[in-house]
Amino acid sequence: MHLVVVGTPQGSIARMRTVVLRRVDIDTKKIYFHTDVRSAKTADIEKTGLLRWLAYDGLQRSQLFLCGKTVVHHTDALCRQHWSDTQHFSRRCYLLPEGPGRPLEDSDAYIDEALAGFQYSLEASEKGFEHFAVVETTADRMEWYYTFGRGNKRAEFHYEHGILQSACWLTP
């Protein structure tokens, strides 16, 4: 479950995006991904303070829905720590002059040869930190859905402050 889908409300539309799951803290029920602070999802999260996650593992035939209070970390200590763990090649995304989702004249209009060829130093990549953000969700609700030939299973879990408060089986 390295690639997950996150959803934010934008008016009457649910905006879905695939992101890279960066960290899971089982004890606190916190999950994290990285994004460009200039992205529309960041603005959506800041409006509502919520995010819905969907993860699927085909080998385990399991699907997880998670949701809860969400915070965008930008230029704080947690953001700096994640940034320092970020690989050189991943920093390229945050060095683009425009944020994600901006209209272009053509598909190659944004290509910078130095960025495309990773011809920038780790020191030069530090400039990208100003656009880097870490999204943290504290899951207060989780649904597990298991697909099985003899009958699917589904369960729901509620947490407060990382502590399980209730769990129940649901009809699939």
N, C-alpha and C. Protein backbone atom coordinates (compact mmCIF):
# COMPACT_ATOMS: atom_id res chain seq x y z
N MET A 1 0.83 -1.18 0.00
CA MET A 1 0.00 0.00 0.00
C MET A 1 0.88 1.25 0.00
N HIS A 2 1.81 1.29 -0.93
CA HIS A 2 2.73 2.42 -1.05
C HIS A 2 2.07 3.61 -1.75
N LEU A 3 1.26 3.31 -2.76
CA LEU A 3 0.50 4.36 -3.45
C LEU A 3 -0.94 4.31 -2.94
N VAL A 4 -1.43 5.44 -2.50
CA VAL A 4 -2.78 5.52 -1.94
C VAL A 4 -3.53 6.67 -2.62
N VAL A 5 -4.82 6.66 -2.49
CA VAL A 5 -5.65 7.72 -3.05
C VAL A 5 -6.16 8.57 -1.90
N VAL A 6 -6.07 9.88 -2.06
CA VAL A 6 -6.64 10.79 -1.07
C VAL A 6 -7.73 11.61 -1.76
N GLY A 7 -8.74 11.94 -1.00
CA GLY A 7 -9.86 12.70 -1.54
C GLY A 7 -10.14 13.93 -0.70
N THR A 8 -10.42 15.03 -1.41
CA THR A 8 -10.82 16.27 -0.76
C THR A 8 -12.08 16.78 -1.42
N PRO A 9 -12.94 17.46 -0.66
CA PRO A 9 -14.10 18.07 -1.29
C PRO A 9 -13.69 19.40 -1.92
N GLN A 10 -14.19 19.66 -3.11
CA GLN A 10 -14.00 20.95 -3.76
C GLN A 10 -15.35 21.33 -4.33
N GLY A 11 -16.11 22.09 -3.55
CA GLY A 11 -17.49 22.38 -3.92
C GLY A 11 -18.30 21.10 -3.82
N SER A 12 -18.99 20.75 -4.88
CA SER A 12 -19.80 19.53 -4.89
C SER A 12 -19.06 18.34 -5.52
N ILE A 13 -17.78 18.51 -5.78
CA ILE A 13 -16.97 17.47 -6.44
C ILE A 13 -15.98 16.88 -5.44
N ALA A 14 -15.80 15.58 -5.49
CA ALA A 14 -14.75 14.92 -4.72
C ALA A 14 -13.52 14.85 -5.60
N ARG A 15 -12.44 15.51 -5.20
CA ARG A 15 -11.20 15.49 -5.97
C ARG A 15 -10.32 14.37 -5.43
N MET A 16 -9.94 13.44 -6.29
CA MET A 16 -9.15 12.27 -5.90
C MET A 16 -7.76 12.38 -6.52
N ARG A 17 -6.75 12.02 -5.74
CA ARG A 17 -5.38 12.02 -6.23
C ARG A 17 -4.63 10.81 -5.68
N THR A 18 -3.71 10.29 -6.46
CA THR A 18 -2.84 9.22 -5.98
C THR A 18 -1.60 9.89 -5.41
N VAL A 19 -1.22 9.49 -4.21
CA VAL A 19 -0.03 10.04 -3.54
C VAL A 19 0.82 8.88 -3.03
N VAL A 20 2.05 9.20 -2.69
CA VAL A 20 2.96 8.21 -2.12
C VAL A 20 2.85 8.27 -0.60
N LEU A 21 2.48 7.16 0.00
CA LEU A 21 2.41 7.07 1.45
C LEU A 21 3.84 7.14 1.98
N ARG A 22 4.12 8.13 2.80
CA ARG A 22 5.49 8.36 3.27
C ARG A 22 5.77 7.81 4.65
N ARG A 23 4.76 7.77 5.50
CA ARG A 23 5.01 7.31 6.87
C ARG A 23 3.69 6.95 7.52
N VAL A 24 3.72 5.94 8.38
CA VAL A 24 2.58 5.53 9.18
C VAL A 24 3.07 5.38 10.61
N ASP A 25 2.39 6.02 11.54
CA ASP A 25 2.69 5.87 12.96
C ASP A 25 1.51 5.14 13.57
N ILE A 26 1.66 3.85 13.79
CA ILE A 26 0.56 3.01 14.26
C ILE A 26 0.08 3.44 15.64
N ASP A 27 0.99 3.82 16.52
CA ASP A 27 0.60 4.19 17.88
C ASP A 27 -0.29 5.42 17.93
N THR A 28 0.05 6.45 17.15
CA THR A 28 -0.73 7.69 17.18
C THR A 28 -1.81 7.73 16.10
N LYS A 29 -1.83 6.71 15.23
CA LYS A 29 -2.77 6.63 14.10
C LYS A 29 -2.57 7.78 13.11
N LYS A 30 -1.32 8.21 12.94
CA LYS A 30 -1.01 9.29 12.01
C LYS A 30 -0.40 8.72 10.73
N ILE A 31 -0.83 9.30 9.60
CA ILE A 31 -0.32 8.91 8.30
C ILE A 31 0.09 10.17 7.55
N TYR A 32 1.09 10.03 6.67
CA TYR A 32 1.72 11.19 6.05
C TYR A 32 1.96 10.98 4.56
N PHE A 33 1.89 12.09 3.82
CA PHE A 33 2.40 12.14 2.45
C PHE A 33 2.98 13.53 2.21
N HIS A 34 3.75 13.67 1.13
CA HIS A 34 4.37 14.94 0.77
C HIS A 34 3.61 15.57 -0.40
N THR A 35 3.61 16.88 -0.45
CA THR A 35 2.97 17.58 -1.56
C THR A 35 3.61 18.95 -1.75
N ASP A 36 3.29 19.57 -2.85
CA ASP A 36 3.69 20.94 -3.12
C ASP A 36 2.67 21.85 -2.45
N VAL A 37 3.12 22.78 -1.64
CA VAL A 37 2.22 23.65 -0.90
C VAL A 37 1.36 24.50 -1.84
N ARG A 38 1.76 24.64 -3.09
CA ARG A 38 1.00 25.42 -4.07
C ARG A 38 -0.11 24.61 -4.73
N SER A 39 -0.25 23.33 -4.38
CA SER A 39 -1.24 22.46 -5.03
C SER A 39 -2.67 22.77 -4.54
N ALA A 40 -3.63 22.41 -5.38
CA ALA A 40 -5.05 22.61 -5.02
C ALA A 40 -5.44 21.76 -3.81
N LYS A 41 -4.85 20.57 -3.67
CA LYS A 41 -5.22 19.73 -2.52
C LYS A 41 -4.85 20.39 -1.21
N THR A 42 -3.73 21.12 -1.20
CA THR A 42 -3.33 21.83 0.01
C THR A 42 -4.39 22.87 0.40
N ALA A 43 -4.85 23.63 -0.58
CA ALA A 43 -5.90 24.62 -0.32
C ALA A 43 -7.18 23.94 0.15
N ASP A 44 -7.54 22.81 -0.47
CA ASP A 44 -8.74 22.07 -0.07
C ASP A 44 -8.63 21.61 1.39
N ILE A 45 -7.48 21.08 1.76
CA ILE A 45 -7.28 20.58 3.13
C ILE A 45 -7.34 21.73 4.12
N GLU A 46 -6.73 22.85 3.78
CA GLU A 46 -6.73 23.98 4.70
C GLU A 46 -8.13 24.54 4.92
N LYS A 47 -9.01 24.39 3.95
CA LYS A 47 -10.40 24.86 4.10
C LYS A 47 -11.20 23.97 5.05
N THR A 48 -11.01 22.65 4.95
CA THR A 48 -11.85 21.72 5.71
C THR A 48 -11.16 21.08 6.90
N GLY A 49 -9.85 20.96 6.85
CA GLY A 49 -9.12 20.28 7.92
C GLY A 49 -9.32 18.77 7.91
N LEU A 50 -9.88 18.24 6.81
CA LEU A 50 -10.15 16.80 6.71
C LEU A 50 -9.59 16.23 5.42
N LEU A 51 -9.37 14.93 5.45
CA LEU A 51 -8.90 14.22 4.28
C LEU A 51 -9.39 12.78 4.39
N ARG A 52 -9.73 12.19 3.25
CA ARG A 52 -10.14 10.78 3.21
C ARG A 52 -9.09 10.02 2.42
N TRP A 53 -8.65 8.90 2.94
CA TRP A 53 -7.63 8.06 2.34
C TRP A 53 -8.24 6.74 1.90
N LEU A 54 -7.76 6.21 0.79
CA LEU A 54 -8.15 4.89 0.31
C LEU A 54 -6.88 4.14 -0.09
N ALA A 55 -6.68 2.99 0.51
CA ALA A 55 -5.52 2.15 0.19
C ALA A 55 -6.03 0.75 -0.16
N TYR A 56 -5.40 0.14 -1.13
CA TYR A 56 -5.80 -1.21 -1.54
C TYR A 56 -4.57 -2.08 -1.73
N ASP A 57 -4.63 -3.29 -1.21
CA ASP A 57 -3.57 -4.28 -1.40
C ASP A 57 -4.20 -5.49 -2.08
N GLY A 58 -3.86 -5.67 -3.35
CA GLY A 58 -4.43 -6.77 -4.12
C GLY A 58 -4.03 -8.14 -3.60
N LEU A 59 -2.82 -8.29 -3.11
CA LEU A 59 -2.38 -9.58 -2.57
C LEU A 59 -3.14 -9.94 -1.29
N GLN A 60 -3.39 -8.95 -0.47
CA GLN A 60 -4.14 -9.18 0.77
C GLN A 60 -5.65 -9.10 0.56
N ARG A 61 -6.05 -8.67 -0.65
CA ARG A 61 -7.47 -8.48 -1.00
C ARG A 61 -8.15 -7.57 0.04
N SER A 62 -7.42 -6.59 0.49
CA SER A 62 -7.92 -5.70 1.54
C SER A 62 -7.90 -4.25 1.09
N GLN A 63 -8.94 -3.56 1.47
CA GLN A 63 -9.09 -2.14 1.19
C GLN A 63 -9.27 -1.42 2.53
N LEU A 64 -8.57 -0.29 2.69
CA LEU A 64 -8.70 0.50 3.91
C LEU A 64 -9.19 1.90 3.55
N PHE A 65 -10.17 2.38 4.28
CA PHE A 65 -10.60 3.78 4.23
C PHE A 65 -10.20 4.39 5.55
N LEU A 66 -9.56 5.54 5.50
CA LEU A 66 -9.18 6.25 6.72
C LEU A 66 -9.59 7.70 6.57
N CYS A 67 -9.99 8.32 7.66
CA CYS A 67 -10.26 9.75 7.61
C CYS A 67 -10.04 10.34 8.99
N GLY A 68 -9.83 11.63 9.01
CA GLY A 68 -9.63 12.32 10.28
C GLY A 68 -9.06 13.70 10.08
N LYS A 69 -8.80 14.33 11.18
CA LYS A 69 -8.25 15.69 11.18
C LYS A 69 -6.93 15.70 10.43
N THR A 70 -6.77 16.69 9.57
CA THR A 70 -5.60 16.76 8.72
C THR A 70 -4.94 18.13 8.85
N VAL A 71 -3.61 18.10 8.92
CA VAL A 71 -2.82 19.32 9.06
C VAL A 71 -1.78 19.35 7.94
N VAL A 72 -1.57 20.52 7.37
CA VAL A 72 -0.51 20.71 6.38
C VAL A 72 0.67 21.36 7.10
N HIS A 73 1.79 20.66 7.13
CA HIS A 73 3.01 21.19 7.75
C HIS A 73 3.86 21.84 6.67
N HIS A 74 4.19 23.10 6.87
CA HIS A 74 5.00 23.83 5.90
C HIS A 74 6.03 24.66 6.65
N THR A 75 7.28 24.39 6.42
CA THR A 75 8.44 25.06 7.00
C THR A 75 8.58 24.89 8.52
N ASP A 76 7.84 23.96 9.11
CA ASP A 76 8.02 23.70 10.54
C ASP A 76 9.04 22.57 10.74
N ALA A 77 9.26 22.18 11.98
CA ALA A 77 10.27 21.16 12.30
C ALA A 77 9.95 19.81 11.66
N LEU A 78 8.68 19.40 11.69
CA LEU A 78 8.32 18.12 11.08
C LEU A 78 8.55 18.16 9.57
N CYS A 79 8.21 19.28 8.95
CA CYS A 79 8.42 19.45 7.51
C CYS A 79 9.92 19.38 7.19
N ARG A 80 10.73 20.05 7.99
CA ARG A 80 12.18 20.05 7.78
C ARG A 80 12.74 18.64 7.91
N GLN A 81 12.25 17.88 8.89
CA GLN A 81 12.74 16.52 9.09
C GLN A 81 12.40 15.64 7.88
N HIS A 82 11.16 15.73 7.37
CA HIS A 82 10.78 14.97 6.18
C HIS A 82 11.62 15.40 4.98
N TRP A 83 11.83 16.71 4.84
CA TRP A 83 12.62 17.23 3.72
C TRP A 83 14.04 16.67 3.76
N SER A 84 14.64 16.62 4.93
CA SER A 84 16.01 16.12 5.03
C SER A 84 16.10 14.64 4.67
N ASP A 85 14.99 13.91 4.80
CA ASP A 85 14.95 12.49 4.42
C ASP A 85 14.59 12.28 2.95
N THR A 86 14.26 13.37 2.25
CA THR A 86 13.83 13.28 0.85
C THR A 86 15.03 13.09 -0.08
N GLN A 87 14.90 12.17 -1.02
CA GLN A 87 15.97 11.88 -1.98
C GLN A 87 16.17 13.05 -2.95
N HIS A 88 17.38 13.17 -3.44
CA HIS A 88 17.76 14.21 -4.39
C HIS A 88 16.81 14.25 -5.59
N PHE A 89 16.53 13.10 -6.19
CA PHE A 89 15.67 13.07 -7.39
C PHE A 89 14.23 13.48 -7.09
N SER A 90 13.77 13.28 -5.87
CA SER A 90 12.39 13.66 -5.52
C SER A 90 12.24 15.16 -5.35
N ARG A 91 13.30 15.85 -5.07
CA ARG A 91 13.24 17.29 -4.83
C ARG A 91 12.97 18.08 -6.11
N ARG A 92 13.19 17.45 -7.25
CA ARG A 92 12.97 18.13 -8.53
C ARG A 92 11.56 18.70 -8.62
N CYS A 93 10.57 17.98 -8.13
CA CYS A 93 9.16 18.42 -8.21
C CYS A 93 8.95 19.78 -7.57
N TYR A 94 9.72 20.06 -6.52
CA TYR A 94 9.52 21.29 -5.75
C TYR A 94 10.37 22.45 -6.27
N LEU A 95 11.16 22.20 -7.30
CA LEU A 95 12.00 23.24 -7.89
C LEU A 95 11.35 23.89 -9.10
N LEU A 96 10.21 23.39 -9.53
CA LEU A 96 9.52 23.98 -10.68
C LEU A 96 9.04 25.38 -10.31
N PRO A 97 9.11 26.31 -11.25
CA PRO A 97 8.72 27.69 -10.95
C PRO A 97 7.22 27.87 -10.69
N GLU A 98 6.41 27.03 -11.28
CA GLU A 98 4.95 27.10 -11.09
C GLU A 98 4.48 25.91 -10.28
N GLY A 99 3.42 26.11 -9.53
CA GLY A 99 2.84 25.01 -8.77
C GLY A 99 2.07 24.06 -9.68
N PRO A 100 1.68 22.89 -9.17
CA PRO A 100 0.96 21.89 -9.96
C PRO A 100 -0.41 22.39 -10.43
N GLY A 101 -0.79 21.93 -11.61
CA GLY A 101 -2.13 22.19 -12.12
C GLY A 101 -2.30 23.50 -12.87
N ARG A 102 -1.21 24.18 -13.20
CA ARG A 102 -1.30 25.45 -13.93
C ARG A 102 -1.40 25.18 -15.43
N PRO A 103 -2.19 25.96 -16.16
CA PRO A 103 -2.29 25.79 -17.62
C PRO A 103 -0.95 26.06 -18.31
N LEU A 104 -0.66 25.27 -19.35
CA LEU A 104 0.56 25.40 -20.14
C LEU A 104 0.22 25.59 -21.60
N GLU A 105 1.11 26.23 -22.33
CA GLU A 105 0.95 26.39 -23.77
C GLU A 105 1.06 25.04 -24.49
N ASP A 106 2.02 24.21 -24.05
CA ASP A 106 2.18 22.86 -24.61
C ASP A 106 2.82 21.97 -23.54
N SER A 107 2.88 20.69 -23.80
CA SER A 107 3.31 19.74 -22.78
C SER A 107 4.77 19.88 -22.36
N ASP A 108 5.60 20.52 -23.19
CA ASP A 108 7.01 20.69 -22.86
C ASP A 108 7.34 22.08 -22.33
N ALA A 109 6.33 22.92 -22.16
CA ALA A 109 6.56 24.31 -21.80
C ALA A 109 7.23 24.48 -20.45
N TYR A 110 7.11 23.52 -19.56
CA TYR A 110 7.66 23.67 -18.22
C TYR A 110 9.03 23.00 -18.06
N ILE A 111 9.48 22.26 -19.07
CA ILE A 111 10.69 21.46 -18.91
C ILE A 111 11.93 22.34 -18.81
N ASP A 112 12.65 22.14 -17.75
CA ASP A 112 13.94 22.78 -17.52
C ASP A 112 14.96 21.66 -17.67
N GLU A 113 15.87 21.79 -18.61
CA GLU A 113 16.82 20.71 -18.92
C GLU A 113 17.66 20.32 -17.70
N ALA A 114 18.04 21.28 -16.90
CA ALA A 114 18.84 20.97 -15.71
C ALA A 114 18.04 20.11 -14.73
N LEU A 115 16.75 20.41 -14.59
CA LEU A 115 15.90 19.61 -13.71
C LEU A 115 15.61 18.25 -14.33
N ALA A 116 15.30 18.24 -15.62
CA ALA A 116 14.98 16.98 -16.30
C ALA A 116 16.13 16.00 -16.23
N GLY A 117 17.36 16.50 -16.30
CA GLY A 117 18.53 15.64 -16.27
C GLY A 117 19.15 15.50 -14.89
N PHE A 118 18.43 15.97 -13.86
CA PHE A 118 18.91 15.92 -12.47
C PHE A 118 20.28 16.59 -12.35
N GLN A 119 20.49 17.66 -13.11
CA GLN A 119 21.77 18.35 -13.10
C GLN A 119 21.72 19.53 -12.12
N TYR A 120 21.45 19.21 -10.90
CA TYR A 120 21.45 20.22 -9.83
C TYR A 120 22.00 19.54 -8.59
N SER A 121 22.65 20.32 -7.78
CA SER A 121 23.27 19.76 -6.58
C SER A 121 22.23 19.63 -5.46
N LEU A 122 22.58 18.83 -4.47
CA LEU A 122 21.72 18.71 -3.30
C LEU A 122 21.57 20.07 -2.63
N GLU A 123 22.64 20.83 -2.61
CA GLU A 123 22.59 22.18 -2.03
C GLU A 123 21.64 23.07 -2.82
N ALA A 124 21.69 23.02 -4.14
CA ALA A 124 20.79 23.82 -4.98
C ALA A 124 19.34 23.40 -4.80
N SER A 125 19.14 22.12 -4.48
CA SER A 125 17.76 21.63 -4.31
C SER A 125 17.09 22.18 -3.06
N GLU A 126 17.88 22.74 -2.14
CA GLU A 126 17.31 23.31 -0.91
C GLU A 126 16.30 24.40 -1.20
N LYS A 127 16.41 25.04 -2.35
CA LYS A 127 15.45 26.09 -2.75
C LYS A 127 14.02 25.51 -2.81
N GLY A 128 13.92 24.23 -3.12
CA GLY A 128 12.61 23.59 -3.21
C GLY A 128 11.88 23.47 -1.89
N PHE A 129 12.59 23.61 -0.79
CA PHE A 129 11.95 23.48 0.54
C PHE A 129 10.82 24.48 0.72
N GLU A 130 10.92 25.64 0.11
CA GLU A 130 9.87 26.65 0.26
C GLU A 130 8.52 26.18 -0.32
N HIS A 131 8.54 25.19 -1.20
CA HIS A 131 7.31 24.67 -1.82
C HIS A 131 6.89 23.32 -1.26
N PHE A 132 7.71 22.75 -0.40
CA PHE A 132 7.50 21.40 0.13
C PHE A 132 6.58 21.45 1.35
N ALA A 133 5.65 20.51 1.42
CA ALA A 133 4.75 20.40 2.57
C ALA A 133 4.54 18.93 2.92
N VAL A 134 4.25 18.69 4.17
CA VAL A 134 3.93 17.35 4.66
C VAL A 134 2.49 17.38 5.13
N VAL A 135 1.71 16.45 4.64
CA VAL A 135 0.30 16.35 5.05
C VAL A 135 0.19 15.22 6.06
N GLU A 136 -0.40 15.54 7.20
CA GLU A 136 -0.53 14.59 8.31
C GLU A 136 -2.01 14.44 8.65
N THR A 137 -2.49 13.22 8.61
CA THR A 137 -3.85 12.92 9.03
C THR A 137 -3.80 12.05 10.27
N THR A 138 -4.57 12.44 11.27
CA THR A 138 -4.74 11.61 12.45
C THR A 138 -6.05 10.86 12.26
N ALA A 139 -5.95 9.58 11.97
CA ALA A 139 -7.14 8.79 11.65
C ALA A 139 -8.01 8.62 12.89
N ASP A 140 -9.27 9.03 12.76
CA ASP A 140 -10.21 8.79 13.85
C ASP A 140 -11.27 7.77 13.43
N ARG A 141 -11.23 7.40 12.16
CA ARG A 141 -12.16 6.39 11.65
C ARG A 141 -11.44 5.56 10.59
N MET A 142 -11.63 4.26 10.66
CA MET A 142 -11.05 3.37 9.67
C MET A 142 -12.08 2.29 9.33
N GLU A 143 -12.20 2.02 8.04
CA GLU A 143 -13.00 0.88 7.59
C GLU A 143 -12.06 -0.07 6.87
N TRP A 144 -12.27 -1.34 7.13
CA TRP A 144 -11.51 -2.39 6.47
C TRP A 144 -12.51 -3.22 5.67
N TYR A 145 -12.16 -3.48 4.41
CA TYR A 145 -13.01 -4.27 3.54
C TYR A 145 -12.15 -5.38 2.94
N TYR A 146 -12.59 -6.61 3.10
CA TYR A 146 -11.85 -7.77 2.64
C TYR A 146 -12.69 -8.52 1.63
N THR A 147 -12.13 -8.73 0.44
CA THR A 147 -12.86 -9.47 -0.60
C THR A 147 -12.43 -10.93 -0.55
N PHE A 148 -13.43 -11.79 -0.45
CA PHE A 148 -13.17 -13.21 -0.28
C PHE A 148 -14.24 -13.99 -1.03
N GLY A 149 -13.82 -15.04 -1.71
CA GLY A 149 -14.73 -15.85 -2.52
C GLY A 149 -15.91 -16.41 -1.75
N ARG A 150 -15.74 -16.73 -0.47
CA ARG A 150 -16.82 -17.32 0.33
C ARG A 150 -17.66 -16.25 1.03
N GLY A 151 -17.33 -14.99 0.80
CA GLY A 151 -18.08 -13.91 1.43
C GLY A 151 -17.17 -12.79 1.89
N ASN A 152 -17.45 -11.59 1.43
CA ASN A 152 -16.64 -10.44 1.82
C ASN A 152 -16.87 -10.09 3.28
N LYS A 153 -15.91 -9.38 3.86
CA LYS A 153 -16.02 -8.95 5.26
C LYS A 153 -15.73 -7.46 5.33
N ARG A 154 -16.37 -6.82 6.29
CA ARG A 154 -16.18 -5.37 6.46
C ARG A 154 -16.29 -5.03 7.94
N ALA A 155 -15.41 -4.14 8.39
CA ALA A 155 -15.41 -3.72 9.80
C ALA A 155 -15.10 -2.23 9.88
N GLU A 156 -15.57 -1.63 10.96
CA GLU A 156 -15.35 -0.21 11.18
C GLU A 156 -14.74 0.00 12.56
N PHE A 157 -13.79 0.95 12.64
CA PHE A 157 -13.08 1.24 13.87
C PHE A 157 -13.10 2.75 14.12
N HIS A 158 -13.35 3.15 15.36
CA HIS A 158 -13.31 4.56 15.74
C HIS A 158 -12.24 4.76 16.80
N TYR A 159 -11.45 5.82 16.63
CA TYR A 159 -10.35 6.14 17.55
C TYR A 159 -10.51 7.55 18.10
N GLU A 160 -10.03 7.74 19.31
CA GLU A 160 -9.87 9.07 19.89
C GLU A 160 -8.49 9.14 20.48
N HIS A 161 -7.71 10.14 20.03
CA HIS A 161 -6.34 10.31 20.51
C HIS A 161 -5.52 9.03 20.33
N GLY A 162 -5.76 8.33 19.23
CA GLY A 162 -5.01 7.13 18.91
C GLY A 162 -5.45 5.88 19.65
N ILE A 163 -6.50 5.99 20.45
CA ILE A 163 -6.97 4.84 21.25
C ILE A 163 -8.30 4.35 20.67
N LEU A 164 -8.37 3.05 20.43
CA LEU A 164 -9.59 2.45 19.90
C LEU A 164 -10.75 2.66 20.87
N GLN A 165 -11.84 3.23 20.36
CA GLN A 165 -13.02 3.47 21.17
C GLN A 165 -14.13 2.47 20.88
N SER A 166 -14.24 2.10 19.60
CA SER A 166 -15.27 1.12 19.24
C SER A 166 -14.89 0.43 17.95
N ALA A 167 -15.41 -0.76 17.78
CA ALA A 167 -15.20 -1.55 16.57
C ALA A 167 -16.44 -2.39 16.36
N CYS A 168 -16.81 -2.54 15.10
CA CYS A 168 -17.96 -3.40 14.82
C CYS A 168 -17.86 -3.94 13.39
N TRP A 169 -18.52 -5.07 13.23
CA TRP A 169 -18.63 -5.65 11.88
C TRP A 169 -19.75 -4.92 11.16
N LEU A 170 -19.58 -4.76 9.86
CA LEU A 170 -20.60 -4.14 9.00
C LEU A 170 -20.98 -5.12 7.91
N THR A 171 -22.17 -4.98 7.39
CA THR A 171 -22.50 -5.79 6.22
C THR A 171 -21.60 -5.33 5.06
N PRO A 172 -21.10 -6.26 4.27
CA PRO A 172 -20.18 -5.86 3.19
C PRO A 172 -20.89 -5.11 2.14
